[in-house]
Amino acid sequence: AGSVPLLVTLVKTGSPRLQEVAAGSLSHIAMNQANKANLAEEGAIPAVIGFLKTASPEGKGAAAAAIANLAGGCLPNQVAIAKQGGIPPLVELTKCGLPRVKVWAAVALGNVGLQCEETQ
């Protein structure tokens, strides 16, 4: 978890390629249920949502994967993603020409709405 603050900073301020790699790294860290709350506390959710709005198509895919994994099975993160404006850019991303990116957007949307009446 010591790398999380650095990764969050890179997602916010790194070069486009570093932002993409950092978002991908956060996505992998978020696959572990025990890490989801710490990631949220360290600011990963607003950082990744901000990156999602400005990234290249490949970067958007990394951001959507991170959001999908942050939301999966974690109700507080699902609510935070919805409240911080994560749903509209994910919906827009489902229109992307890259199939892999569309899939991550759909998975993220499903995970955000899965258990949370506030986000459905």
N, C-alpha and C. Protein backbone atom coordinates (compact mmCIF):
# COMPACT_ATOMS: atom_id res chain seq x y z
N ALA A 1 0.82 -1.20 0.00
CA ALA A 1 0.00 0.00 0.00
C ALA A 1 0.86 1.26 0.00
N GLY A 2 2.17 1.13 0.27
CA GLY A 2 3.03 2.30 0.29
C GLY A 2 3.16 2.98 -1.05
N SER A 3 2.90 2.27 -2.12
CA SER A 3 3.00 2.84 -3.47
C SER A 3 1.74 3.59 -3.88
N VAL A 4 0.66 3.42 -3.16
CA VAL A 4 -0.62 4.00 -3.58
C VAL A 4 -0.57 5.53 -3.67
N PRO A 5 -0.04 6.25 -2.69
CA PRO A 5 -0.01 7.72 -2.84
C PRO A 5 0.77 8.17 -4.09
N LEU A 6 1.87 7.50 -4.38
CA LEU A 6 2.64 7.84 -5.58
C LEU A 6 1.84 7.56 -6.84
N LEU A 7 1.17 6.43 -6.89
CA LEU A 7 0.36 6.08 -8.06
C LEU A 7 -0.78 7.08 -8.26
N VAL A 8 -1.42 7.48 -7.16
CA VAL A 8 -2.50 8.47 -7.25
C VAL A 8 -1.95 9.79 -7.80
N THR A 9 -0.79 10.20 -7.32
CA THR A 9 -0.16 11.42 -7.83
C THR A 9 0.16 11.30 -9.31
N LEU A 10 0.68 10.16 -9.73
CA LEU A 10 1.00 9.96 -11.14
C LEU A 10 -0.25 9.98 -12.02
N VAL A 11 -1.35 9.42 -11.53
CA VAL A 11 -2.60 9.46 -12.30
C VAL A 11 -3.04 10.90 -12.50
N LYS A 12 -2.80 11.74 -11.51
CA LYS A 12 -3.23 13.14 -11.59
C LYS A 12 -2.27 14.02 -12.38
N THR A 13 -0.97 13.76 -12.27
CA THR A 13 0.00 14.74 -12.79
C THR A 13 1.05 14.18 -13.73
N GLY A 14 1.07 12.89 -13.95
CA GLY A 14 2.10 12.30 -14.81
C GLY A 14 1.86 12.59 -16.28
N SER A 15 2.82 12.19 -17.10
CA SER A 15 2.63 12.25 -18.55
C SER A 15 1.48 11.32 -18.91
N PRO A 16 0.87 11.47 -20.08
CA PRO A 16 -0.24 10.58 -20.44
C PRO A 16 0.10 9.10 -20.30
N ARG A 17 1.28 8.69 -20.70
CA ARG A 17 1.66 7.28 -20.60
C ARG A 17 1.81 6.87 -19.13
N LEU A 18 2.44 7.72 -18.31
CA LEU A 18 2.56 7.40 -16.89
C LEU A 18 1.20 7.35 -16.22
N GLN A 19 0.30 8.24 -16.60
CA GLN A 19 -1.06 8.21 -16.05
C GLN A 19 -1.72 6.87 -16.36
N GLU A 20 -1.58 6.42 -17.60
CA GLU A 20 -2.18 5.15 -18.01
C GLU A 20 -1.60 3.98 -17.21
N VAL A 21 -0.29 3.95 -17.08
CA VAL A 21 0.37 2.87 -16.33
C VAL A 21 -0.03 2.92 -14.86
N ALA A 22 -0.08 4.11 -14.28
CA ALA A 22 -0.47 4.24 -12.88
C ALA A 22 -1.92 3.80 -12.66
N ALA A 23 -2.81 4.18 -13.58
CA ALA A 23 -4.21 3.74 -13.48
C ALA A 23 -4.29 2.22 -13.57
N GLY A 24 -3.51 1.63 -14.47
CA GLY A 24 -3.48 0.17 -14.58
C GLY A 24 -2.97 -0.48 -13.31
N SER A 25 -1.97 0.12 -12.70
CA SER A 25 -1.44 -0.41 -11.44
C SER A 25 -2.48 -0.32 -10.33
N LEU A 26 -3.18 0.81 -10.25
CA LEU A 26 -4.25 0.95 -9.25
C LEU A 26 -5.34 -0.09 -9.49
N SER A 27 -5.64 -0.35 -10.76
CA SER A 27 -6.63 -1.37 -11.10
C SER A 27 -6.23 -2.72 -10.54
N HIS A 28 -4.96 -3.08 -10.71
CA HIS A 28 -4.49 -4.37 -10.20
C HIS A 28 -4.52 -4.42 -8.67
N ILE A 29 -4.14 -3.34 -8.03
CA ILE A 29 -4.17 -3.28 -6.56
C ILE A 29 -5.61 -3.41 -6.06
N ALA A 30 -6.55 -2.80 -6.80
CA ALA A 30 -7.96 -2.82 -6.39
C ALA A 30 -8.62 -4.18 -6.58
N MET A 31 -7.96 -5.10 -7.24
CA MET A 31 -8.53 -6.44 -7.39
C MET A 31 -8.62 -7.15 -6.05
N ASN A 32 -7.77 -6.76 -5.11
CA ASN A 32 -7.78 -7.35 -3.77
C ASN A 32 -8.77 -6.57 -2.91
N GLN A 33 -9.78 -7.25 -2.43
CA GLN A 33 -10.85 -6.62 -1.64
C GLN A 33 -10.30 -5.82 -0.46
N ALA A 34 -9.24 -6.32 0.15
CA ALA A 34 -8.67 -5.67 1.33
C ALA A 34 -8.06 -4.31 1.01
N ASN A 35 -7.78 -4.03 -0.25
CA ASN A 35 -7.14 -2.77 -0.63
C ASN A 35 -8.12 -1.67 -1.01
N LYS A 36 -9.36 -2.00 -1.24
CA LYS A 36 -10.31 -1.04 -1.81
C LYS A 36 -10.53 0.19 -0.93
N ALA A 37 -10.70 0.00 0.37
CA ALA A 37 -10.94 1.14 1.26
C ALA A 37 -9.72 2.05 1.31
N ASN A 38 -8.53 1.47 1.40
CA ASN A 38 -7.30 2.28 1.44
C ASN A 38 -7.14 3.08 0.15
N LEU A 39 -7.42 2.47 -0.97
CA LEU A 39 -7.33 3.18 -2.25
C LEU A 39 -8.25 4.39 -2.26
N ALA A 40 -9.47 4.20 -1.77
CA ALA A 40 -10.42 5.32 -1.71
C ALA A 40 -9.91 6.40 -0.77
N GLU A 41 -9.40 6.01 0.39
CA GLU A 41 -8.88 6.98 1.36
C GLU A 41 -7.71 7.77 0.80
N GLU A 42 -6.93 7.17 -0.06
CA GLU A 42 -5.76 7.83 -0.65
C GLU A 42 -6.11 8.69 -1.86
N GLY A 43 -7.40 8.74 -2.22
CA GLY A 43 -7.82 9.62 -3.32
C GLY A 43 -7.82 8.99 -4.69
N ALA A 44 -7.78 7.67 -4.76
CA ALA A 44 -7.73 7.01 -6.06
C ALA A 44 -8.99 7.26 -6.89
N ILE A 45 -10.15 7.33 -6.25
CA ILE A 45 -11.39 7.47 -7.01
C ILE A 45 -11.45 8.79 -7.77
N PRO A 46 -11.30 9.95 -7.13
CA PRO A 46 -11.36 11.18 -7.92
C PRO A 46 -10.20 11.29 -8.92
N ALA A 47 -9.05 10.75 -8.57
CA ALA A 47 -7.91 10.80 -9.51
C ALA A 47 -8.22 10.02 -10.78
N VAL A 48 -8.75 8.82 -10.62
CA VAL A 48 -9.04 7.98 -11.78
C VAL A 48 -10.20 8.55 -12.59
N ILE A 49 -11.22 9.08 -11.92
CA ILE A 49 -12.34 9.70 -12.64
C ILE A 49 -11.84 10.91 -13.43
N GLY A 50 -10.99 11.72 -12.84
CA GLY A 50 -10.43 12.86 -13.55
C GLY A 50 -9.65 12.43 -14.78
N PHE A 51 -8.85 11.39 -14.63
CA PHE A 51 -8.07 10.86 -15.76
C PHE A 51 -8.99 10.30 -16.83
N LEU A 52 -10.05 9.61 -16.42
CA LEU A 52 -11.01 9.05 -17.37
C LEU A 52 -11.57 10.12 -18.30
N LYS A 53 -11.77 11.30 -17.78
CA LYS A 53 -12.38 12.38 -18.56
C LYS A 53 -11.44 12.99 -19.59
N THR A 54 -10.13 12.82 -19.43
CA THR A 54 -9.17 13.51 -20.30
C THR A 54 -8.23 12.58 -21.07
N ALA A 55 -8.27 11.31 -20.80
CA ALA A 55 -7.27 10.38 -21.32
C ALA A 55 -7.49 10.02 -22.79
N SER A 56 -6.46 9.42 -23.36
CA SER A 56 -6.55 8.79 -24.68
C SER A 56 -7.49 7.59 -24.55
N PRO A 57 -7.94 7.01 -25.67
CA PRO A 57 -8.79 5.82 -25.57
C PRO A 57 -8.14 4.70 -24.74
N GLU A 58 -6.85 4.47 -24.92
CA GLU A 58 -6.18 3.42 -24.14
C GLU A 58 -6.14 3.79 -22.66
N GLY A 59 -5.88 5.05 -22.38
CA GLY A 59 -5.88 5.52 -21.00
C GLY A 59 -7.26 5.40 -20.36
N LYS A 60 -8.29 5.71 -21.15
CA LYS A 60 -9.66 5.57 -20.65
C LYS A 60 -9.95 4.12 -20.29
N GLY A 61 -9.41 3.19 -21.07
CA GLY A 61 -9.58 1.77 -20.75
C GLY A 61 -8.95 1.41 -19.42
N ALA A 62 -7.75 1.93 -19.16
CA ALA A 62 -7.08 1.68 -17.88
C ALA A 62 -7.87 2.30 -16.74
N ALA A 63 -8.40 3.50 -16.95
CA ALA A 63 -9.20 4.16 -15.92
C ALA A 63 -10.48 3.39 -15.65
N ALA A 64 -11.14 2.93 -16.71
CA ALA A 64 -12.38 2.17 -16.54
C ALA A 64 -12.11 0.86 -15.80
N ALA A 65 -11.00 0.21 -16.10
CA ALA A 65 -10.64 -1.02 -15.38
C ALA A 65 -10.41 -0.73 -13.91
N ALA A 66 -9.75 0.39 -13.62
CA ALA A 66 -9.53 0.76 -12.22
C ALA A 66 -10.85 1.02 -11.51
N ILE A 67 -11.75 1.73 -12.17
CA ILE A 67 -13.06 2.00 -11.57
C ILE A 67 -13.82 0.70 -11.36
N ALA A 68 -13.78 -0.19 -12.35
CA ALA A 68 -14.47 -1.48 -12.22
C ALA A 68 -13.96 -2.23 -11.00
N ASN A 69 -12.65 -2.27 -10.82
CA ASN A 69 -12.10 -3.02 -9.69
C ASN A 69 -12.28 -2.30 -8.36
N LEU A 70 -12.24 -0.98 -8.37
CA LEU A 70 -12.51 -0.23 -7.14
C LEU A 70 -13.96 -0.45 -6.68
N ALA A 71 -14.89 -0.55 -7.62
CA ALA A 71 -16.31 -0.68 -7.30
C ALA A 71 -16.71 -2.11 -6.96
N GLY A 72 -16.05 -3.09 -7.54
CA GLY A 72 -16.46 -4.48 -7.38
C GLY A 72 -16.55 -4.91 -5.93
N GLY A 73 -17.76 -5.21 -5.48
CA GLY A 73 -17.97 -5.71 -4.13
C GLY A 73 -17.71 -4.72 -3.02
N CYS A 74 -17.68 -3.43 -3.34
CA CYS A 74 -17.37 -2.42 -2.31
C CYS A 74 -18.40 -1.29 -2.39
N LEU A 75 -19.45 -1.41 -1.62
CA LEU A 75 -20.55 -0.45 -1.65
C LEU A 75 -20.10 1.00 -1.41
N PRO A 76 -19.24 1.28 -0.42
CA PRO A 76 -18.82 2.68 -0.24
C PRO A 76 -18.14 3.26 -1.48
N ASN A 77 -17.33 2.45 -2.17
CA ASN A 77 -16.69 2.94 -3.39
C ASN A 77 -17.69 3.12 -4.51
N GLN A 78 -18.69 2.25 -4.59
CA GLN A 78 -19.73 2.40 -5.61
C GLN A 78 -20.43 3.75 -5.45
N VAL A 79 -20.79 4.07 -4.22
CA VAL A 79 -21.46 5.34 -3.94
C VAL A 79 -20.53 6.50 -4.26
N ALA A 80 -19.27 6.39 -3.85
CA ALA A 80 -18.31 7.48 -4.09
C ALA A 80 -18.11 7.71 -5.59
N ILE A 81 -18.02 6.65 -6.36
CA ILE A 81 -17.83 6.79 -7.81
C ILE A 81 -19.03 7.50 -8.43
N ALA A 82 -20.23 7.12 -8.01
CA ALA A 82 -21.43 7.77 -8.54
C ALA A 82 -21.48 9.24 -8.13
N LYS A 83 -21.23 9.52 -6.85
CA LYS A 83 -21.33 10.89 -6.35
C LYS A 83 -20.25 11.80 -6.92
N GLN A 84 -19.12 11.22 -7.31
CA GLN A 84 -18.02 12.02 -7.84
C GLN A 84 -18.03 12.12 -9.37
N GLY A 85 -19.16 11.75 -9.97
CA GLY A 85 -19.33 11.96 -11.40
C GLY A 85 -18.74 10.89 -12.30
N GLY A 86 -18.56 9.69 -11.79
CA GLY A 86 -17.95 8.64 -12.58
C GLY A 86 -18.85 7.97 -13.60
N ILE A 87 -20.15 8.06 -13.43
CA ILE A 87 -21.05 7.33 -14.32
C ILE A 87 -21.14 7.95 -15.72
N PRO A 88 -21.36 9.26 -15.88
CA PRO A 88 -21.49 9.80 -17.25
C PRO A 88 -20.29 9.51 -18.16
N PRO A 89 -19.03 9.67 -17.70
CA PRO A 89 -17.95 9.34 -18.63
C PRO A 89 -17.85 7.86 -18.95
N LEU A 90 -18.29 7.00 -18.04
CA LEU A 90 -18.31 5.56 -18.33
C LEU A 90 -19.37 5.25 -19.39
N VAL A 91 -20.53 5.88 -19.28
CA VAL A 91 -21.58 5.68 -20.28
C VAL A 91 -21.06 6.13 -21.65
N GLU A 92 -20.42 7.29 -21.70
CA GLU A 92 -19.85 7.79 -22.95
C GLU A 92 -18.80 6.82 -23.50
N LEU A 93 -18.06 6.21 -22.63
CA LEU A 93 -16.99 5.30 -23.04
C LEU A 93 -17.52 4.03 -23.70
N THR A 94 -18.77 3.67 -23.43
CA THR A 94 -19.33 2.48 -24.08
C THR A 94 -19.47 2.69 -25.58
N LYS A 95 -19.32 3.92 -26.06
CA LYS A 95 -19.39 4.22 -27.49
C LYS A 95 -18.00 4.22 -28.15
N CYS A 96 -16.97 3.96 -27.38
CA CYS A 96 -15.59 3.96 -27.89
C CYS A 96 -15.42 2.86 -28.94
N GLY A 97 -14.55 3.10 -29.89
CA GLY A 97 -14.32 2.13 -30.95
C GLY A 97 -13.48 0.92 -30.55
N LEU A 98 -12.82 0.98 -29.42
CA LEU A 98 -11.97 -0.14 -28.99
C LEU A 98 -12.78 -1.12 -28.16
N PRO A 99 -12.96 -2.36 -28.64
CA PRO A 99 -13.78 -3.33 -27.90
C PRO A 99 -13.35 -3.54 -26.45
N ARG A 100 -12.04 -3.62 -26.20
CA ARG A 100 -11.55 -3.84 -24.84
C ARG A 100 -11.98 -2.71 -23.91
N VAL A 101 -11.95 -1.49 -24.44
CA VAL A 101 -12.33 -0.32 -23.64
C VAL A 101 -13.83 -0.34 -23.37
N LYS A 102 -14.62 -0.70 -24.37
CA LYS A 102 -16.08 -0.81 -24.18
C LYS A 102 -16.40 -1.82 -23.08
N VAL A 103 -15.70 -2.95 -23.11
CA VAL A 103 -15.95 -3.99 -22.11
C VAL A 103 -15.65 -3.48 -20.71
N TRP A 104 -14.51 -2.80 -20.52
CA TRP A 104 -14.18 -2.28 -19.19
C TRP A 104 -15.20 -1.23 -18.75
N ALA A 105 -15.67 -0.41 -19.68
CA ALA A 105 -16.70 0.58 -19.32
C ALA A 105 -17.97 -0.13 -18.85
N ALA A 106 -18.37 -1.18 -19.56
CA ALA A 106 -19.57 -1.92 -19.19
C ALA A 106 -19.40 -2.62 -17.84
N VAL A 107 -18.24 -3.22 -17.62
CA VAL A 107 -17.97 -3.88 -16.34
C VAL A 107 -18.01 -2.86 -15.21
N ALA A 108 -17.38 -1.71 -15.43
CA ALA A 108 -17.38 -0.66 -14.41
C ALA A 108 -18.79 -0.21 -14.09
N LEU A 109 -19.60 0.03 -15.12
CA LEU A 109 -20.98 0.45 -14.89
C LEU A 109 -21.76 -0.62 -14.13
N GLY A 110 -21.56 -1.88 -14.50
CA GLY A 110 -22.23 -2.96 -13.79
C GLY A 110 -21.80 -3.03 -12.33
N ASN A 111 -20.51 -2.89 -12.08
CA ASN A 111 -20.02 -2.97 -10.70
C ASN A 111 -20.48 -1.78 -9.87
N VAL A 112 -20.55 -0.60 -10.47
CA VAL A 112 -21.00 0.58 -9.72
C VAL A 112 -22.47 0.42 -9.33
N GLY A 113 -23.28 -0.15 -10.19
CA GLY A 113 -24.71 -0.27 -9.91
C GLY A 113 -25.14 -1.57 -9.29
N LEU A 114 -24.24 -2.51 -9.14
CA LEU A 114 -24.60 -3.87 -8.76
C LEU A 114 -25.34 -3.98 -7.44
N GLN A 115 -24.82 -3.37 -6.39
CA GLN A 115 -25.40 -3.54 -5.06
C GLN A 115 -25.99 -2.26 -4.51
N CYS A 116 -25.95 -1.21 -5.27
CA CYS A 116 -26.21 0.11 -4.70
C CYS A 116 -27.45 0.76 -5.31
N GLU A 117 -28.50 0.85 -4.53
CA GLU A 117 -29.72 1.49 -5.03
C GLU A 117 -29.48 2.94 -5.41
N GLU A 118 -28.54 3.60 -4.71
CA GLU A 118 -28.25 5.00 -4.99
C GLU A 118 -27.67 5.22 -6.38
N THR A 119 -27.08 4.17 -6.97
CA THR A 119 -26.43 4.33 -8.27
C THR A 119 -27.19 3.67 -9.40
N GLN A 120 -28.34 3.09 -9.12
CA GLN A 120 -29.07 2.37 -10.17
C GLN A 120 -30.00 3.29 -10.93
